Amino acid sequence: MCASRSVLYYLAVRFGVLVLPGATLYGVWNGKDGRHWQHEEIVVEPRSPTVEEALQRDQQIVDAFDE
């Protein structure tokens, strides 16, 4: 995991939520189970169309890699 990703994950978990200029990151949410913790997952809620498009594009790349 790269350093900036680790820091964002740590801060999102530590504070529960990070409000960034184009997105909100949730490190803790109702229903977060052991699998989410084990895989160090967060929820990213885009608040900008530009960020949303970039996240969708990046998710397609990640999905293709996981197959």
PDB file of N, CA and C in Angstrom:
ATOM      1  N   MET A   1       0.853  -1.171   0.000  1.00  0.00           N
ATOM      2  CA  MET A   1       0.000   0.000   0.000  1.00  0.00           C
ATOM      3  C   MET A   1       0.898   1.233   0.000  1.00  0.00           C
ATOM      4  N   CYS A   2       0.613   2.189  -0.867  1.00  0.00           N
ATOM      5  CA  CYS A   2       1.446   3.385  -0.926  1.00  0.00           C
ATOM      6  C   CYS A   2       1.214   4.247   0.315  1.00  0.00           C
ATOM      7  N   ALA A   3       2.163   5.114   0.598  1.00  0.00           N
ATOM      8  CA  ALA A   3       2.131   5.903   1.831  1.00  0.00           C
ATOM      9  C   ALA A   3       0.906   6.809   1.922  1.00  0.00           C
ATOM     10  N   SER A   4       0.558   7.491   0.826  1.00  0.00           N
ATOM     11  CA  SER A   4      -0.588   8.409   0.894  1.00  0.00           C
ATOM     12  C   SER A   4      -1.888   7.646   1.108  1.00  0.00           C
ATOM     13  N   ARG A   5      -1.998   6.465   0.495  1.00  0.00           N
ATOM     14  CA  ARG A   5      -3.190   5.639   0.695  1.00  0.00           C
ATOM     15  C   ARG A   5      -3.271   5.161   2.137  1.00  0.00           C
ATOM     16  N   SER A   6      -2.133   4.781   2.703  1.00  0.00           N
ATOM     17  CA  SER A   6      -2.093   4.343   4.097  1.00  0.00           C
ATOM     18  C   SER A   6      -2.511   5.468   5.036  1.00  0.00           C
ATOM     19  N   VAL A   7      -2.033   6.662   4.769  1.00  0.00           N
ATOM     20  CA  VAL A   7      -2.370   7.810   5.621  1.00  0.00           C
ATOM     21  C   VAL A   7      -3.860   8.117   5.535  1.00  0.00           C
ATOM     22  N   LEU A   8      -4.411   8.110   4.321  1.00  0.00           N
ATOM     23  CA  LEU A   8      -5.847   8.381   4.172  1.00  0.00           C
ATOM     24  C   LEU A   8      -6.679   7.320   4.873  1.00  0.00           C
ATOM     25  N   TYR A   9      -6.284   6.055   4.741  1.00  0.00           N
ATOM     26  CA  TYR A   9      -7.003   4.977   5.425  1.00  0.00           C
ATOM     27  C   TYR A   9      -6.934   5.182   6.934  1.00  0.00           C
ATOM     28  N   TYR A  10      -5.738   5.410   7.449  1.00  0.00           N
ATOM     29  CA  TYR A  10      -5.551   5.588   8.889  1.00  0.00           C
ATOM     30  C   TYR A  10      -6.392   6.756   9.405  1.00  0.00           C
ATOM     31  N   LEU A  11      -6.345   7.887   8.720  1.00  0.00           N
ATOM     32  CA  LEU A  11      -7.095   9.059   9.179  1.00  0.00           C
ATOM     33  C   LEU A  11      -8.602   8.833   9.099  1.00  0.00           C
ATOM     34  N   ALA A  12      -9.060   8.167   8.037  1.00  0.00           N
ATOM     35  CA  ALA A  12     -10.494   7.886   7.904  1.00  0.00           C
ATOM     36  C   ALA A  12     -10.971   6.977   9.033  1.00  0.00           C
ATOM     37  N   VAL A  13     -10.151   5.984   9.397  1.00  0.00           N
ATOM     38  CA  VAL A  13     -10.527   5.085  10.492  1.00  0.00           C
ATOM     39  C   VAL A  13     -10.417   5.817  11.825  1.00  0.00           C
ATOM     40  N   ARG A  14      -9.361   6.568  12.003  1.00  0.00           N
ATOM     41  CA  ARG A  14      -9.118   7.265  13.273  1.00  0.00           C
ATOM     42  C   ARG A  14     -10.234   8.266  13.596  1.00  0.00           C
ATOM     43  N   PHE A  15     -10.640   9.042  12.582  1.00  0.00           N
ATOM     44  CA  PHE A  15     -11.645  10.085  12.806  1.00  0.00           C
ATOM     45  C   PHE A  15     -13.056   9.654  12.382  1.00  0.00           C
ATOM     46  N   GLY A  16     -13.167   8.526  11.690  1.00  0.00           N
ATOM     47  CA  GLY A  16     -14.473   8.041  11.251  1.00  0.00           C
ATOM     48  C   GLY A  16     -14.863   8.556   9.885  1.00  0.00           C
ATOM     49  N   VAL A  17     -14.558   9.813   9.623  1.00  0.00           N
ATOM     50  CA  VAL A  17     -14.908  10.426   8.334  1.00  0.00           C
ATOM     51  C   VAL A  17     -13.890  11.518   8.015  1.00  0.00           C
ATOM     52  N   LEU A  18     -13.528  11.612   6.745  1.00  0.00           N
ATOM     53  CA  LEU A  18     -12.677  12.696   6.246  1.00  0.00           C
ATOM     54  C   LEU A  18     -13.446  13.414   5.152  1.00  0.00           C
ATOM     55  N   VAL A  19     -13.586  14.708   5.295  1.00  0.00           N
ATOM     56  CA  VAL A  19     -14.259  15.505   4.272  1.00  0.00           C
ATOM     57  C   VAL A  19     -13.172  16.204   3.468  1.00  0.00           C
ATOM     58  N   LEU A  20     -13.010  15.772   2.223  1.00  0.00           N
ATOM     59  CA  LEU A  20     -12.017  16.342   1.317  1.00  0.00           C
ATOM     60  C   LEU A  20     -12.735  17.229   0.310  1.00  0.00           C
ATOM     61  N   PRO A  21     -12.000  18.032  -0.452  1.00  0.00           N
ATOM     62  CA  PRO A  21     -12.677  18.954  -1.379  1.00  0.00           C
ATOM     63  C   PRO A  21     -13.658  18.296  -2.353  1.00  0.00           C
ATOM     64  N   GLY A  22     -13.340  17.109  -2.880  1.00  0.00           N
ATOM     65  CA  GLY A  22     -14.230  16.516  -3.874  1.00  0.00           C
ATOM     66  C   GLY A  22     -14.922  15.241  -3.442  1.00  0.00           C
ATOM     67  N   ALA A  23     -14.609  14.771  -2.225  1.00  0.00           N
ATOM     68  CA  ALA A  23     -15.183  13.493  -1.780  1.00  0.00           C
ATOM     69  C   ALA A  23     -15.155  13.403  -0.261  1.00  0.00           C
ATOM     70  N   THR A  24     -16.017  12.560   0.253  1.00  0.00           N
ATOM     71  CA  THR A  24     -16.024  12.241   1.678  1.00  0.00           C
ATOM     72  C   THR A  24     -15.595  10.789   1.821  1.00  0.00           C
ATOM     73  N   LEU A  25     -14.649  10.532   2.733  1.00  0.00           N
ATOM     74  CA  LEU A  25     -14.149   9.184   2.984  1.00  0.00           C
ATOM     75  C   LEU A  25     -14.638   8.725   4.339  1.00  0.00           C
ATOM     76  N   TYR A  26     -15.278   7.560   4.367  1.00  0.00           N
ATOM     77  CA  TYR A  26     -15.776   6.988   5.613  1.00  0.00           C
ATOM     78  C   TYR A  26     -14.909   5.786   5.982  1.00  0.00           C
ATOM     79  N   GLY A  27     -14.288   5.845   7.142  1.00  0.00           N
ATOM     80  CA  GLY A  27     -13.481   4.737   7.626  1.00  0.00           C
ATOM     81  C   GLY A  27     -14.269   3.821   8.530  1.00  0.00           C
ATOM     82  N   VAL A  28     -15.353   4.335   9.090  1.00  0.00           N
ATOM     83  CA  VAL A  28     -16.205   3.572  10.000  1.00  0.00           C
ATOM     84  C   VAL A  28     -17.650   3.837   9.591  1.00  0.00           C
ATOM     85  N   TRP A  29     -18.439   2.775   9.506  1.00  0.00           N
ATOM     86  CA  TRP A  29     -19.854   2.910   9.182  1.00  0.00           C
ATOM     87  C   TRP A  29     -20.620   1.753   9.798  1.00  0.00           C
ATOM     88  N   ASN A  30     -21.927   1.934   9.970  1.00  0.00           N
ATOM     89  CA  ASN A  30     -22.776   0.856  10.485  1.00  0.00           C
ATOM     90  C   ASN A  30     -22.720  -0.312   9.512  1.00  0.00           C
ATOM     91  N   GLY A  31     -22.496  -1.499  10.036  1.00  0.00           N
ATOM     92  CA  GLY A  31     -22.443  -2.689   9.196  1.00  0.00           C
ATOM     93  C   GLY A  31     -21.058  -3.032   8.696  1.00  0.00           C
ATOM     94  N   LYS A  32     -20.047  -2.248   9.046  1.00  0.00           N
ATOM     95  CA  LYS A  32     -18.674  -2.589   8.652  1.00  0.00           C
ATOM     96  C   LYS A  32     -18.300  -3.861   9.395  1.00  0.00           C
ATOM     97  N   ASP A  33     -18.020  -4.907   8.638  1.00  0.00           N
ATOM     98  CA  ASP A  33     -17.754  -6.200   9.268  1.00  0.00           C
ATOM     99  C   ASP A  33     -16.262  -6.559   9.220  1.00  0.00           C
ATOM    100  N   GLY A  34     -15.953  -7.739   9.704  1.00  0.00           N
ATOM    101  CA  GLY A  34     -14.567  -8.184   9.786  1.00  0.00           C
ATOM    102  C   GLY A  34     -13.851  -8.197   8.444  1.00  0.00           C
ATOM    103  N   ARG A  35     -14.574  -8.556   7.393  1.00  0.00           N
ATOM    104  CA  ARG A  35     -13.975  -8.580   6.051  1.00  0.00           C
ATOM    105  C   ARG A  35     -13.544  -7.179   5.623  1.00  0.00           C
ATOM    106  N   HIS A  36     -14.390  -6.183   5.922  1.00  0.00           N
ATOM    107  CA  HIS A  36     -14.040  -4.797   5.585  1.00  0.00           C
ATOM    108  C   HIS A  36     -12.782  -4.364   6.329  1.00  0.00           C
ATOM    109  N   TRP A  37     -12.712  -4.708   7.613  1.00  0.00           N
ATOM    110  CA  TRP A  37     -11.531  -4.343   8.408  1.00  0.00           C
ATOM    111  C   TRP A  37     -10.295  -5.060   7.879  1.00  0.00           C
ATOM    112  N   GLN A  38     -10.431  -6.343   7.588  1.00  0.00           N
ATOM    113  CA  GLN A  38      -9.293  -7.142   7.129  1.00  0.00           C
ATOM    114  C   GLN A  38      -8.736  -6.621   5.803  1.00  0.00           C
ATOM    115  N   HIS A  39      -9.625  -6.187   4.922  1.00  0.00           N
ATOM    116  CA  HIS A  39      -9.194  -5.674   3.622  1.00  0.00           C
ATOM    117  C   HIS A  39      -8.934  -4.166   3.639  1.00  0.00           C
ATOM    118  N   GLU A  40      -9.010  -3.566   4.823  1.00  0.00           N
ATOM    119  CA  GLU A  40      -8.756  -2.128   5.004  1.00  0.00           C
ATOM    120  C   GLU A  40      -9.598  -1.291   4.035  1.00  0.00           C
ATOM    121  N   GLU A  41     -10.900  -1.561   4.019  1.00  0.00           N
ATOM    122  CA  GLU A  41     -11.812  -0.871   3.117  1.00  0.00           C
ATOM    123  C   GLU A  41     -12.376   0.399   3.738  1.00  0.00           C
ATOM    124  N   ILE A  42     -12.587   1.382   2.890  1.00  0.00           N
ATOM    125  CA  ILE A  42     -13.285   2.603   3.267  1.00  0.00           C
ATOM    126  C   ILE A  42     -14.387   2.831   2.234  1.00  0.00           C
ATOM    127  N   VAL A  43     -15.310   3.704   2.560  1.00  0.00           N
ATOM    128  CA  VAL A  43     -16.360   4.098   1.612  1.00  0.00           C
ATOM    129  C   VAL A  43     -16.009   5.492   1.113  1.00  0.00           C
ATOM    130  N   VAL A  44     -16.024   5.640  -0.199  1.00  0.00           N
ATOM    131  CA  VAL A  44     -15.727   6.935  -0.818  1.00  0.00           C
ATOM    132  C   VAL A  44     -17.010   7.448  -1.447  1.00  0.00           C
ATOM    133  N   GLU A  45     -17.428   8.626  -1.008  1.00  0.00           N
ATOM    134  CA  GLU A  45     -18.647   9.250  -1.525  1.00  0.00           C
ATOM    135  C   GLU A  45     -18.251  10.518  -2.280  1.00  0.00           C
ATOM    136  N   PRO A  46     -18.229  10.457  -3.620  1.00  0.00           N
ATOM    137  CA  PRO A  46     -17.838  11.649  -4.390  1.00  0.00           C
ATOM    138  C   PRO A  46     -18.887  12.751  -4.271  1.00  0.00           C
ATOM    139  N   ARG A  47     -18.411  13.990  -4.229  1.00  0.00           N
ATOM    140  CA  ARG A  47     -19.307  15.145  -4.170  1.00  0.00           C
ATOM    141  C   ARG A  47     -19.106  16.056  -5.369  1.00  0.00           C
ATOM    142  N   SER A  48     -18.351  15.570  -6.335  1.00  0.00           N
ATOM    143  CA  SER A  48     -18.051  16.352  -7.531  1.00  0.00           C
ATOM    144  C   SER A  48     -18.174  15.433  -8.745  1.00  0.00           C
ATOM    145  N   PRO A  49     -18.789  15.917  -9.818  1.00  0.00           N
ATOM    146  CA  PRO A  49     -18.894  15.084 -11.020  1.00  0.00           C
ATOM    147  C   PRO A  49     -17.518  14.667 -11.558  1.00  0.00           C
ATOM    148  N   THR A  50     -16.547  15.539 -11.456  1.00  0.00           N
ATOM    149  CA  THR A  50     -15.192  15.225 -11.928  1.00  0.00           C
ATOM    150  C   THR A  50     -14.584  14.095 -11.122  1.00  0.00           C
ATOM    151  N   VAL A  51     -14.725  14.153  -9.812  1.00  0.00           N
ATOM    152  CA  VAL A  51     -14.190  13.100  -8.947  1.00  0.00           C
ATOM    153  C   VAL A  51     -14.951  11.801  -9.189  1.00  0.00           C
ATOM    154  N   GLU A  52     -16.259  11.886  -9.343  1.00  0.00           N
ATOM    155  CA  GLU A  52     -17.069  10.689  -9.581  1.00  0.00           C
ATOM    156  C   GLU A  52     -16.643   9.984 -10.875  1.00  0.00           C
ATOM    157  N   GLU A  53     -16.421  10.747 -11.946  1.00  0.00           N
ATOM    158  CA  GLU A  53     -15.981  10.164 -13.216  1.00  0.00           C
ATOM    159  C   GLU A  53     -14.615   9.491 -13.053  1.00  0.00           C
ATOM    160  N   ALA A  54     -13.704  10.155 -12.356  1.00  0.00           N
ATOM    161  CA  ALA A  54     -12.367   9.590 -12.146  1.00  0.00           C
ATOM    162  C   ALA A  54     -12.442   8.307 -11.328  1.00  0.00           C
ATOM    163  N   LEU A  55     -13.272   8.294 -10.293  1.00  0.00           N
ATOM    164  CA  LEU A  55     -13.419   7.093  -9.469  1.00  0.00           C
ATOM    165  C   LEU A  55     -14.027   5.941 -10.262  1.00  0.00           C
ATOM    166  N   GLN A  56     -15.013   6.234 -11.101  1.00  0.00           N
ATOM    167  CA  GLN A  56     -15.620   5.187 -11.925  1.00  0.00           C
ATOM    168  C   GLN A  56     -14.600   4.610 -12.906  1.00  0.00           C
ATOM    169  N   ARG A  57     -13.809   5.474 -13.512  1.00  0.00           N
ATOM    170  CA  ARG A  57     -12.775   5.020 -14.448  1.00  0.00           C
ATOM    171  C   ARG A  57     -11.749   4.148 -13.721  1.00  0.00           C
ATOM    172  N   ASP A  58     -11.301   4.609 -12.557  1.00  0.00           N
ATOM    173  CA  ASP A  58     -10.318   3.850 -11.787  1.00  0.00           C
ATOM    174  C   ASP A  58     -10.894   2.529 -11.301  1.00  0.00           C
ATOM    175  N   GLN A  59     -12.182   2.516 -10.941  1.00  0.00           N
ATOM    176  CA  GLN A  59     -12.811   1.274 -10.478  1.00  0.00           C
ATOM    177  C   GLN A  59     -12.851   0.242 -11.594  1.00  0.00           C
ATOM    178  N   GLN A  60     -13.081   0.680 -12.820  1.00  0.00           N
ATOM    179  CA  GLN A  60     -13.076  -0.244 -13.956  1.00  0.00           C
ATOM    180  C   GLN A  60     -11.694  -0.881 -14.120  1.00  0.00           C
ATOM    181  N   ILE A  61     -10.657  -0.114 -13.916  1.00  0.00           N
ATOM    182  CA  ILE A  61      -9.293  -0.640 -14.018  1.00  0.00           C
ATOM    183  C   ILE A  61      -9.043  -1.665 -12.916  1.00  0.00           C
ATOM    184  N   VAL A  62      -9.444  -1.337 -11.694  1.00  0.00           N
ATOM    185  CA  VAL A  62      -9.265  -2.255 -10.566  1.00  0.00           C
ATOM    186  C   VAL A  62     -10.053  -3.542 -10.793  1.00  0.00           C
ATOM    187  N   ASP A  63     -11.297  -3.413 -11.254  1.00  0.00           N
ATOM    188  CA  ASP A  63     -12.125  -4.587 -11.514  1.00  0.00           C
ATOM    189  C   ASP A  63     -11.497  -5.500 -12.568  1.00  0.00           C
ATOM    190  N   ALA A  64     -10.951  -4.904 -13.622  1.00  0.00           N
ATOM    191  CA  ALA A  64     -10.307  -5.685 -14.693  1.00  0.00           C
ATOM    192  C   ALA A  64      -9.075  -6.402 -14.140  1.00  0.00           C
ATOM    193  N   PHE A  65      -8.343  -5.763 -13.255  1.00  0.00           N
ATOM    194  CA  PHE A  65      -7.163  -6.360 -12.664  1.00  0.00           C
ATOM    195  C   PHE A  65      -7.525  -7.525 -11.764  1.00  0.00           C
ATOM    196  N   ASP A  66      -8.648  -7.406 -11.042  1.00  0.00           N
ATOM    197  CA  ASP A  66      -9.082  -8.452 -10.097  1.00  0.00           C
ATOM    198  C   ASP A  66      -9.601  -9.703 -10.785  1.00  0.00           C
ATOM    199  N   GLU A  67      -9.981  -9.619 -12.057  1.00  0.00           N
ATOM    200  CA  GLU A  67     -10.564 -10.771 -12.756  1.00  0.00           C
ATOM    201  C   GLU A  67      -9.548 -11.831 -13.061  1.00  0.00           C
TER     202      GLU A  67
END
